[in-house]
PDB file of N, CA and C in Angstrom:
ATOM      1  N   MET A   1     -21.494 -22.393  47.396  1.00  0.00           N
ATOM      2  CA  MET A   1     -22.225 -22.789  48.647  1.00  0.00           C
ATOM      3  C   MET A   1     -22.240 -21.598  49.578  1.00  0.00           C
ATOM      4  N   TYR A   2     -21.141 -20.830  49.522  1.00  0.00           N
ATOM      5  CA  TYR A   2     -21.092 -19.551  50.439  1.00  0.00           C
ATOM      6  C   TYR A   2     -21.292 -18.414  49.541  1.00  0.00           C
ATOM      7  N   TYR A   3     -22.073 -17.361  50.192  1.00  0.00           N
ATOM      8  CA  TYR A   3     -22.537 -16.270  49.484  1.00  0.00           C
ATOM      9  C   TYR A   3     -22.372 -15.084  50.351  1.00  0.00           C
ATOM     10  N   ASP A   4     -22.070 -13.798  49.795  1.00  0.00           N
ATOM     11  CA  ASP A   4     -22.210 -12.576  50.646  1.00  0.00           C
ATOM     12  C   ASP A   4     -23.578 -12.056  50.542  1.00  0.00           C
ATOM     13  N   LYS A   5     -23.764 -10.866  51.190  1.00  0.00           N
ATOM     14  CA  LYS A   5     -25.273 -10.368  51.304  1.00  0.00           C
ATOM     15  C   LYS A   5     -25.770 -10.047  49.832  1.00  0.00           C
ATOM     16  N   ASP A   6     -24.928  -9.826  48.893  1.00  0.00           N
ATOM     17  CA  ASP A   6     -25.376  -9.483  47.545  1.00  0.00           C
ATOM     18  C   ASP A   6     -25.622 -10.821  46.766  1.00  0.00           C
ATOM     19  N   GLY A   7     -25.465 -11.955  47.304  1.00  0.00           N
ATOM     20  CA  GLY A   7     -25.638 -13.161  46.587  1.00  0.00           C
ATOM     21  C   GLY A   7     -24.519 -13.573  45.810  1.00  0.00           C
ATOM     22  N   LEU A   8     -23.336 -13.014  45.948  1.00  0.00           N
ATOM     23  CA  LEU A   8     -22.142 -13.345  45.152  1.00  0.00           C
ATOM     24  C   LEU A   8     -21.434 -14.428  45.903  1.00  0.00           C
ATOM     25  N   GLU A   9     -20.984 -15.408  45.135  1.00  0.00           N
ATOM     26  CA  GLU A   9     -20.224 -16.507  45.722  1.00  0.00           C
ATOM     27  C   GLU A   9     -18.868 -16.047  46.349  1.00  0.00           C
ATOM     28  N   ILE A  10     -18.714 -16.620  47.494  1.00  0.00           N
ATOM     29  CA  ILE A  10     -17.410 -16.263  48.201  1.00  0.00           C
ATOM     30  C   ILE A  10     -16.796 -17.570  48.657  1.00  0.00           C
ATOM     31  N   ASP A  11     -15.506 -17.582  49.126  1.00  0.00           N
ATOM     32  CA  ASP A  11     -14.931 -18.867  49.692  1.00  0.00           C
ATOM     33  C   ASP A  11     -15.133 -18.918  51.121  1.00  0.00           C
ATOM     34  N   VAL A  12     -14.859 -20.017  51.715  1.00  0.00           N
ATOM     35  CA  VAL A  12     -15.077 -20.237  53.159  1.00  0.00           C
ATOM     36  C   VAL A  12     -14.291 -19.273  53.960  1.00  0.00           C
ATOM     37  N   ASP A  13     -13.160 -18.826  53.624  1.00  0.00           N
ATOM     38  CA  ASP A  13     -12.404 -17.933  54.457  1.00  0.00           C
ATOM     39  C   ASP A  13     -13.133 -16.467  54.469  1.00  0.00           C
ATOM     40  N   GLU A  14     -13.632 -16.115  53.392  1.00  0.00           N
ATOM     41  CA  GLU A  14     -14.410 -14.792  53.309  1.00  0.00           C
ATOM     42  C   GLU A  14     -15.705 -14.944  54.136  1.00  0.00           C
ATOM     43  N   TRP A  15     -16.407 -16.159  54.000  1.00  0.00           N
ATOM     44  CA  TRP A  15     -17.579 -16.446  54.694  1.00  0.00           C
ATOM     45  C   TRP A  15     -17.343 -16.301  56.263  1.00  0.00           C
ATOM     46  N   THR A  16     -16.209 -17.089  56.680  1.00  0.00           N
ATOM     47  CA  THR A  16     -15.846 -17.112  58.082  1.00  0.00           C
ATOM     48  C   THR A  16     -15.674 -15.703  58.687  1.00  0.00           C
ATOM     49  N   GLU A  17     -14.998 -14.853  57.907  1.00  0.00           N
ATOM     50  CA  GLU A  17     -14.762 -13.447  58.390  1.00  0.00           C
ATOM     51  C   GLU A  17     -16.035 -12.770  58.503  1.00  0.00           C
ATOM     52  N   LEU A  18     -16.810 -12.704  57.396  1.00  0.00           N
ATOM     53  CA  LEU A  18     -18.087 -12.059  57.440  1.00  0.00           C
ATOM     54  C   LEU A  18     -19.020 -12.487  58.532  1.00  0.00           C
ATOM     55  N   PHE A  19     -19.068 -13.887  58.639  1.00  0.00           N
ATOM     56  CA  PHE A  19     -20.034 -14.419  59.629  1.00  0.00           C
ATOM     57  C   PHE A  19     -19.645 -14.102  61.066  1.00  0.00           C
ATOM     58  N   SER A  20     -18.446 -13.830  61.321  1.00  0.00           N
ATOM     59  CA  SER A  20     -17.995 -13.403  62.649  1.00  0.00           C
ATOM     60  C   SER A  20     -18.254 -11.989  63.013  1.00  0.00           C
ATOM     61  N   ASP A  21     -18.658 -11.200  61.883  1.00  0.00           N
ATOM     62  CA  ASP A  21     -18.977  -9.773  62.102  1.00  0.00           C
ATOM     63  C   ASP A  21     -20.466  -9.624  62.283  1.00  0.00           C
ATOM     64  N   LYS A  22     -20.910  -9.482  63.650  1.00  0.00           N
ATOM     65  CA  LYS A  22     -22.191  -9.494  64.001  1.00  0.00           C
ATOM     66  C   LYS A  22     -23.045  -8.267  63.277  1.00  0.00           C
ATOM     67  N   GLN A  23     -22.361  -7.160  63.087  1.00  0.00           N
ATOM     68  CA  GLN A  23     -22.954  -6.031  62.376  1.00  0.00           C
ATOM     69  C   GLN A  23     -23.289  -6.395  60.939  1.00  0.00           C
ATOM     70  N   TYR A  24     -22.542  -7.235  60.324  1.00  0.00           N
ATOM     71  CA  TYR A  24     -22.710  -7.700  58.945  1.00  0.00           C
ATOM     72  C   TYR A  24     -23.914  -8.819  58.992  1.00  0.00           C
ATOM     73  N   GLN A  25     -23.719  -9.646  59.912  1.00  0.00           N
ATOM     74  CA  GLN A  25     -24.720 -10.792  60.063  1.00  0.00           C
ATOM     75  C   GLN A  25     -26.124 -10.415  60.318  1.00  0.00           C
ATOM     76  N   ILE A  26     -26.239  -9.556  61.345  1.00  0.00           N
ATOM     77  CA  ILE A  26     -27.651  -9.193  61.842  1.00  0.00           C
ATOM     78  C   ILE A  26     -28.235  -8.230  61.016  1.00  0.00           C
ATOM     79  N   ILE A  27     -29.435  -8.516  60.427  1.00  0.00           N
ATOM     80  CA  ILE A  27     -30.234  -7.570  59.654  1.00  0.00           C
ATOM     81  C   ILE A  27     -31.145  -6.731  60.599  1.00  0.00           C
ATOM     82  N   GLN A  28     -31.912  -7.418  61.464  1.00  0.00           N
ATOM     83  CA  GLN A  28     -32.804  -6.685  62.396  1.00  0.00           C
ATOM     84  C   GLN A  28     -33.177  -7.711  63.468  1.00  0.00           C
ATOM     85  N   GLN A  29     -33.334  -7.209  64.687  1.00  0.00           N
ATOM     86  CA  GLN A  29     -33.888  -8.014  65.779  1.00  0.00           C
ATOM     87  C   GLN A  29     -34.753  -7.131  66.661  1.00  0.00           C
ATOM     88  N   ASP A  30     -35.902  -7.758  67.059  1.00  0.00           N
ATOM     89  CA  ASP A  30     -36.851  -7.176  67.834  1.00  0.00           C
ATOM     90  C   ASP A  30     -37.501  -8.061  68.973  1.00  0.00           C
ATOM     91  N   LYS A  31     -37.988  -7.480  69.948  1.00  0.00           N
ATOM     92  CA  LYS A  31     -38.714  -8.283  71.005  1.00  0.00           C
ATOM     93  C   LYS A  31     -40.054  -7.693  71.096  1.00  0.00           C
ATOM     94  N   ILE A  32     -41.016  -8.670  70.913  1.00  0.00           N
ATOM     95  CA  ILE A  32     -42.450  -8.316  71.012  1.00  0.00           C
ATOM     96  C   ILE A  32     -43.018  -9.226  72.101  1.00  0.00           C
ATOM     97  N   GLY A  33     -43.307  -8.753  73.208  1.00  0.00           N
ATOM     98  CA  GLY A  33     -43.733  -9.612  74.376  1.00  0.00           C
ATOM     99  C   GLY A  33     -42.783 -10.646  74.744  1.00  0.00           C
ATOM    100  N   ASN A  34     -43.058 -11.908  74.594  1.00  0.00           N
ATOM    101  CA  ASN A  34     -42.201 -12.981  74.892  1.00  0.00           C
ATOM    102  C   ASN A  34     -41.625 -13.554  73.622  1.00  0.00           C
ATOM    103  N   ASN A  35     -41.700 -12.743  72.550  1.00  0.00           N
ATOM    104  CA  ASN A  35     -41.145 -13.224  71.287  1.00  0.00           C
ATOM    105  C   ASN A  35     -39.927 -12.395  70.854  1.00  0.00           C
ATOM    106  N   PHE A  36     -38.903 -13.167  70.493  1.00  0.00           N
ATOM    107  CA  PHE A  36     -37.684 -12.445  69.988  1.00  0.00           C
ATOM    108  C   PHE A  36     -37.613 -12.798  68.480  1.00  0.00           C
ATOM    109  N   ILE A  37     -37.798 -11.739  67.724  1.00  0.00           N
ATOM    110  CA  ILE A  37     -37.699 -11.971  66.161  1.00  0.00           C
ATOM    111  C   ILE A  37     -36.258 -11.512  65.669  1.00  0.00           C
ATOM    112  N   SER A  38     -35.663 -12.373  64.962  1.00  0.00           N
ATOM    113  CA  SER A  38     -34.264 -12.208  64.581  1.00  0.00           C
ATOM    114  C   SER A  38     -34.201 -12.527  63.036  1.00  0.00           C
ATOM    115  N   THR A  39     -33.632 -11.520  62.377  1.00  0.00           N
ATOM    116  CA  THR A  39     -33.381 -11.800  60.832  1.00  0.00           C
ATOM    117  C   THR A  39     -31.942 -11.589  60.683  1.00  0.00           C
ATOM    118  N   VAL A  40     -31.257 -12.639  60.121  1.00  0.00           N
ATOM    119  CA  VAL A  40     -29.920 -12.645  59.926  1.00  0.00           C
ATOM    120  C   VAL A  40     -29.512 -13.097  58.543  1.00  0.00           C
ATOM    121  N   TRP A  41     -28.292 -12.758  58.080  1.00  0.00           N
ATOM    122  CA  TRP A  41     -27.633 -13.297  56.903  1.00  0.00           C
ATOM    123  C   TRP A  41     -26.972 -14.521  57.363  1.00  0.00           C
ATOM    124  N   LEU A  42     -27.203 -15.630  56.636  1.00  0.00           N
ATOM    125  CA  LEU A  42     -26.557 -16.960  56.884  1.00  0.00           C
ATOM    126  C   LEU A  42     -25.353 -17.169  56.097  1.00  0.00           C
ATOM    127  N   GLY A  43     -25.439 -16.708  54.897  1.00  0.00           N
ATOM    128  CA  GLY A  43     -24.310 -16.949  53.956  1.00  0.00           C
ATOM    129  C   GLY A  43     -24.073 -18.271  53.362  1.00  0.00           C
ATOM    130  N   LEU A  44     -24.906 -19.291  53.813  1.00  0.00           N
ATOM    131  CA  LEU A  44     -24.900 -20.558  53.321  1.00  0.00           C
ATOM    132  C   LEU A  44     -26.249 -20.770  52.690  1.00  0.00           C
ATOM    133  N   ASN A  45     -26.272 -21.460  51.544  1.00  0.00           N
ATOM    134  CA  ASN A  45     -27.528 -21.792  50.813  1.00  0.00           C
ATOM    135  C   ASN A  45     -28.404 -22.812  51.591  1.00  0.00           C
ATOM    136  N   HIS A  46     -29.517 -22.305  52.120  1.00  0.00           N
ATOM    137  CA  HIS A  46     -30.468 -23.180  52.819  1.00  0.00           C
ATOM    138  C   HIS A  46     -31.678 -23.486  52.046  1.00  0.00           C
ATOM    139  N   SER A  47     -31.476 -23.500  50.679  1.00  0.00           N
ATOM    140  CA  SER A  47     -32.591 -23.871  49.872  1.00  0.00           C
ATOM    141  C   SER A  47     -32.376 -25.417  49.420  1.00  0.00           C
ATOM    142  N   TRP A  48     -33.037 -26.268  50.113  1.00  0.00           N
ATOM    143  CA  TRP A  48     -32.797 -27.727  49.885  1.00  0.00           C
ATOM    144  C   TRP A  48     -33.665 -28.256  48.837  1.00  0.00           C
ATOM    145  N   ASN A  49     -34.607 -27.506  48.382  1.00  0.00           N
ATOM    146  CA  ASN A  49     -35.587 -28.004  47.269  1.00  0.00           C
ATOM    147  C   ASN A  49     -35.190 -27.431  45.889  1.00  0.00           C
ATOM    148  N   GLY A  50     -33.998 -26.882  45.684  1.00  0.00           N
ATOM    149  CA  GLY A  50     -33.587 -26.426  44.410  1.00  0.00           C
ATOM    150  C   GLY A  50     -34.105 -25.094  43.977  1.00  0.00           C
ATOM    151  N   GLY A  51     -34.897 -24.341  44.677  1.00  0.00           N
ATOM    152  CA  GLY A  51     -35.492 -23.101  44.327  1.00  0.00           C
ATOM    153  C   GLY A  51     -34.669 -21.869  44.742  1.00  0.00           C
ATOM    154  N   GLY A  52     -33.720 -21.492  43.978  1.00  0.00           N
ATOM    155  CA  GLY A  52     -32.922 -20.377  44.322  1.00  0.00           C
ATOM    156  C   GLY A  52     -32.081 -20.479  45.482  1.00  0.00           C
ATOM    157  N   ILE A  53     -31.224 -19.450  45.854  1.00  0.00           N
ATOM    158  CA  ILE A  53     -30.479 -19.516  47.042  1.00  0.00           C
ATOM    159  C   ILE A  53     -31.202 -18.923  48.188  1.00  0.00           C
ATOM    160  N   LYS A  54     -31.118 -19.397  49.320  1.00  0.00           N
ATOM    161  CA  LYS A  54     -31.749 -18.926  50.542  1.00  0.00           C
ATOM    162  C   LYS A  54     -30.667 -18.592  51.534  1.00  0.00           C
ATOM    163  N   ILE A  55     -30.271 -17.433  51.611  1.00  0.00           N
ATOM    164  CA  ILE A  55     -29.106 -17.044  52.477  1.00  0.00           C
ATOM    165  C   ILE A  55     -29.440 -16.055  53.669  1.00  0.00           C
ATOM    166  N   PHE A  56     -30.758 -15.760  53.809  1.00  0.00           N
ATOM    167  CA  PHE A  56     -31.188 -14.970  54.856  1.00  0.00           C
ATOM    168  C   PHE A  56     -32.308 -15.746  55.582  1.00  0.00           C
ATOM    169  N   GLU A  57     -32.468 -15.455  56.872  1.00  0.00           N
ATOM    170  CA  GLU A  57     -33.505 -16.196  57.682  1.00  0.00           C
ATOM    171  C   GLU A  57     -33.985 -15.286  58.733  1.00  0.00           C
ATOM    172  N   THR A  58     -35.492 -15.502  59.003  1.00  0.00           N
ATOM    173  CA  THR A  58     -36.100 -14.903  60.095  1.00  0.00           C
ATOM    174  C   THR A  58     -36.515 -15.956  61.015  1.00  0.00           C
ATOM    175  N   MET A  59     -36.198 -15.932  62.170  1.00  0.00           N
ATOM    176  CA  MET A  59     -36.642 -16.882  63.248  1.00  0.00           C
ATOM    177  C   MET A  59     -37.308 -16.209  64.373  1.00  0.00           C
ATOM    178  N   VAL A  60     -38.323 -16.836  64.949  1.00  0.00           N
ATOM    179  CA  VAL A  60     -38.996 -16.250  66.085  1.00  0.00           C
ATOM    180  C   VAL A  60     -38.851 -17.298  67.203  1.00  0.00           C
ATOM    181  N   PHE A  61     -38.281 -16.756  68.285  1.00  0.00           N
ATOM    182  CA  PHE A  61     -38.038 -17.570  69.494  1.00  0.00           C
ATOM    183  C   PHE A  61     -38.992 -16.997  70.622  1.00  0.00           C
ATOM    184  N   ASN A  62     -39.588 -18.035  71.292  1.00  0.00           N
ATOM    185  CA  ASN A  62     -40.551 -17.674  72.471  1.00  0.00           C
ATOM    186  C   ASN A  62     -39.857 -18.080  73.669  1.00  0.00           C
ATOM    187  N   ASP A  63     -39.799 -17.148  74.585  1.00  0.00           N
ATOM    188  CA  ASP A  63     -39.223 -17.484  75.949  1.00  0.00           C
ATOM    189  C   ASP A  63     -40.254 -17.869  77.020  1.00  0.00           C
ATOM    190  N   SER A  64     -41.389 -18.129  76.550  1.00  0.00           N
ATOM    191  CA  SER A  64     -42.518 -18.587  77.606  1.00  0.00           C
ATOM    192  C   SER A  64     -42.534 -20.101  77.725  1.00  0.00           C
ATOM    193  N   GLU A  65     -43.463 -20.542  78.424  1.00  0.00           N
ATOM    194  CA  GLU A  65     -43.713 -21.991  78.558  1.00  0.00           C
ATOM    195  C   GLU A  65     -44.274 -22.620  77.149  1.00  0.00           C
ATOM    196  N   GLU A  66     -45.078 -21.798  76.586  1.00  0.00           N
ATOM    197  CA  GLU A  66     -45.606 -22.171  75.221  1.00  0.00           C
ATOM    198  C   GLU A  66     -44.573 -21.855  74.153  1.00  0.00           C
ATOM    199  N   ILE A  67     -43.880 -22.893  73.702  1.00  0.00           N
ATOM    200  CA  ILE A  67     -42.846 -22.542  72.685  1.00  0.00           C
ATOM    201  C   ILE A  67     -43.442 -22.626  71.307  1.00  0.00           C
ATOM    202  N   GLU A  68     -43.357 -21.644  70.685  1.00  0.00           N
ATOM    203  CA  GLU A  68     -43.807 -21.604  69.230  1.00  0.00           C
ATOM    204  C   GLU A  68     -42.616 -20.970  68.508  1.00  0.00           C
ATOM    205  N   GLN A  69     -42.305 -21.574  67.364  1.00  0.00           N
ATOM    206  CA  GLN A  69     -41.189 -21.105  66.590  1.00  0.00           C
ATOM    207  C   GLN A  69     -41.713 -20.950  65.169  1.00  0.00           C
ATOM    208  N   ASP A  70     -41.444 -19.704  64.631  1.00  0.00           N
ATOM    209  CA  ASP A  70     -41.782 -19.448  63.268  1.00  0.00           C
ATOM    210  C   ASP A  70     -40.402 -19.318  62.633  1.00  0.00           C
ATOM    211  N   MET A  71     -40.327 -19.510  61.272  1.00  0.00           N
ATOM    212  CA  MET A  71     -39.150 -19.270  60.470  1.00  0.00           C
ATOM    213  C   MET A  71     -39.384 -19.205  58.992  1.00  0.00           C
ATOM    214  N   GLU A  72     -38.721 -18.338  58.374  1.00  0.00           N
ATOM    215  CA  GLU A  72     -38.839 -18.108  56.900  1.00  0.00           C
ATOM    216  C   GLU A  72     -37.399 -17.753  56.353  1.00  0.00           C
ATOM    217  N   ARG A  73     -37.117 -18.236  55.206  1.00  0.00           N
ATOM    218  CA  ARG A  73     -35.852 -17.965  54.613  1.00  0.00           C
ATOM    219  C   ARG A  73     -36.079 -17.218  53.306  1.00  0.00           C
ATOM    220  N   TYR A  74     -35.001 -16.408  52.933  1.00  0.00           N
ATOM    221  CA  TYR A  74     -35.140 -15.509  51.824  1.00  0.00           C
ATOM    222  C   TYR A  74     -33.887 -15.527  50.929  1.00  0.00           C
ATOM    223  N   GLU A  75     -34.021 -15.048  49.799  1.00  0.00           N
ATOM    224  CA  GLU A  75     -32.945 -14.969  48.753  1.00  0.00           C
ATOM    225  C   GLU A  75     -32.113 -13.688  48.827  1.00  0.00           C
ATOM    226  N   THR A  76     -32.812 -12.550  49.054  1.00  0.00           N
ATOM    227  CA  THR A  76     -32.241 -11.270  49.099  1.00  0.00           C
ATOM    228  C   THR A  76     -32.402 -10.625  50.458  1.00  0.00           C
ATOM    229  N   GLU A  77     -31.632  -9.616  50.696  1.00  0.00           N
ATOM    230  CA  GLU A  77     -31.657  -8.775  51.905  1.00  0.00           C
ATOM    231  C   GLU A  77     -33.006  -8.032  51.933  1.00  0.00           C
ATOM    232  N   ALA A  78     -33.461  -7.544  50.762  1.00  0.00           N
ATOM    233  CA  ALA A  78     -34.700  -6.808  50.670  1.00  0.00           C
ATOM    234  C   ALA A  78     -35.945  -7.662  51.128  1.00  0.00           C
ATOM    235  N   GLU A  79     -35.850  -8.967  50.657  1.00  0.00           N
ATOM    236  CA  GLU A  79     -36.918  -9.848  50.998  1.00  0.00           C
ATOM    237  C   GLU A  79     -36.904 -10.198  52.522  1.00  0.00           C
ATOM    238  N   ALA A  80     -35.681 -10.282  53.040  1.00  0.00           N
ATOM    239  CA  ALA A  80     -35.483 -10.531  54.476  1.00  0.00           C
ATOM    240  C   ALA A  80     -36.033  -9.386  55.384  1.00  0.00           C
ATOM    241  N   ILE A  81     -35.799  -8.134  54.811  1.00  0.00           N
ATOM    242  CA  ILE A  81     -36.343  -6.988  55.599  1.00  0.00           C
ATOM    243  C   ILE A  81     -37.923  -7.043  55.498  1.00  0.00           C
ATOM    244  N   ARG A  82     -38.438  -7.236  54.340  1.00  0.00           N
ATOM    245  CA  ARG A  82     -39.888  -7.339  54.218  1.00  0.00           C
ATOM    246  C   ARG A  82     -40.453  -8.450  55.104  1.00  0.00           C
ATOM    247  N   GLY A  83     -39.755  -9.554  55.033  1.00  0.00           N
ATOM    248  CA  GLY A  83     -40.290 -10.716  55.932  1.00  0.00           C
ATOM    249  C   GLY A  83     -40.155 -10.409  57.360  1.00  0.00           C
ATOM    250  N   HIS A  84     -39.141  -9.711  57.854  1.00  0.00           N
ATOM    251  CA  HIS A  84     -39.099  -9.319  59.155  1.00  0.00           C
ATOM    252  C   HIS A  84     -40.235  -8.459  59.611  1.00  0.00           C
ATOM    253  N   GLU A  85     -40.533  -7.422  58.774  1.00  0.00           N
ATOM    254  CA  GLU A  85     -41.688  -6.584  58.945  1.00  0.00           C
ATOM    255  C   GLU A  85     -42.974  -7.383  59.111  1.00  0.00           C
ATOM    256  N   ARG A  86     -43.096  -8.322  58.184  1.00  0.00           N
ATOM    257  CA  ARG A  86     -44.382  -9.158  58.289  1.00  0.00           C
ATOM    258  C   ARG A  86     -44.363  -9.967  59.719  1.00  0.00           C
ATOM    259  N   PHE A  87     -43.317 -10.458  60.231  1.00  0.00           N
ATOM    260  CA  PHE A  87     -43.353 -11.099  61.461  1.00  0.00           C
ATOM    261  C   PHE A  87     -43.568 -10.076  62.593  1.00  0.00           C
ATOM    262  N   LEU A  88     -43.021  -8.925  62.455  1.00  0.00           N
ATOM    263  CA  LEU A  88     -43.292  -7.819  63.505  1.00  0.00           C
ATOM    264  C   LEU A  88     -44.793  -7.634  63.531  1.00  0.00           C
ATOM    265  N   GLU A  89     -45.439  -7.397  62.332  1.00  0.00           N
ATOM    266  CA  GLU A  89     -46.836  -7.115  62.296  1.00  0.00           C
ATOM    267  C   GLU A  89     -47.629  -8.270  62.926  1.00  0.00           C
ATOM    268  N   LYS A  90     -47.336  -9.521  62.538  1.00  0.00           N
ATOM    269  CA  LYS A  90     -48.035 -10.653  63.122  1.00  0.00           C
ATOM    270  C   LYS A  90     -47.931 -10.752  64.571  1.00  0.00           C
ATOM    271  N   TYR A  91     -46.721 -10.590  65.073  1.00  0.00           N
ATOM    272  CA  TYR A  91     -46.568 -10.828  66.448  1.00  0.00           C
ATOM    273  C   TYR A  91     -47.104  -9.521  67.336  1.00  0.00           C
ATOM    274  N   THR A  92     -47.032  -8.390  66.808  1.00  0.00           N
ATOM    275  CA  THR A  92     -47.575  -7.193  67.459  1.00  0.00           C
ATOM    276  C   THR A  92     -49.044  -7.326  67.455  1.00  0.00           C
ATOM    277  N   ASN A  93     -49.701  -7.703  66.401  1.00  0.00           N
ATOM    278  CA  ASN A  93     -51.144  -7.927  66.426  1.00  0.00           C
ATOM    279  C   ASN A  93     -51.593  -9.013  67.440  1.00  0.00           C
ATOM    280  N   ARG A  94     -50.830 -10.151  67.406  1.00  0.00           N
ATOM    281  CA  ARG A  94     -51.051 -11.245  68.314  1.00  0.00           C
ATOM    282  C   ARG A  94     -50.930 -10.709  69.795  1.00  0.00           C
ATOM    283  N   GLU A  95     -49.932  -9.975  70.103  1.00  0.00           N
ATOM    284  CA  GLU A  95     -49.707  -9.409  71.384  1.00  0.00           C
ATOM    285  C   GLU A  95     -50.858  -8.489  71.784  1.00  0.00           C
ATOM    286  N   GLN A  96     -51.466  -7.653  70.908  1.00  0.00           N
ATOM    287  CA  GLN A  96     -52.612  -6.796  71.212  1.00  0.00           C
ATOM    288  C   GLN A  96     -53.820  -7.469  71.427  1.00  0.00           C
ATOM    289  N   THR A  97     -54.044  -8.689  70.854  1.00  0.00           N
ATOM    290  CA  THR A  97     -55.291  -9.503  71.049  1.00  0.00           C
ATOM    291  C   THR A  97     -55.335 -10.340  72.210  1.00  0.00           C
ATOM    292  N   GLU A  98     -54.153 -10.512  72.858  1.00  0.00           N
ATOM    293  CA  GLU A  98     -54.078 -11.394  73.987  1.00  0.00           C
ATOM    294  C   GLU A  98     -54.239 -10.645  75.328  1.00  0.00           C
TER     295      GLU A  98
END
């Protein structure tokens, strides 16, 4: 149920220690206009449909009146970094066209 960044199973005590370490937990965070894009290691499997482990997540938070939230989960840190870059591109392009 608990995994480190390499996808290796860990116990709840190890997870608690790692999860409290923000440098370990945060993969990348960026602000584009009113959007805050955050990619983090969760350490808990968020794959509810049985397809691999999903222990990383990118979420987009919007601080304007129009709340739009995007989210994607990943199995590996490399996938999470690529996903974060896709969100950066998407929201940078959106910001340039508005």
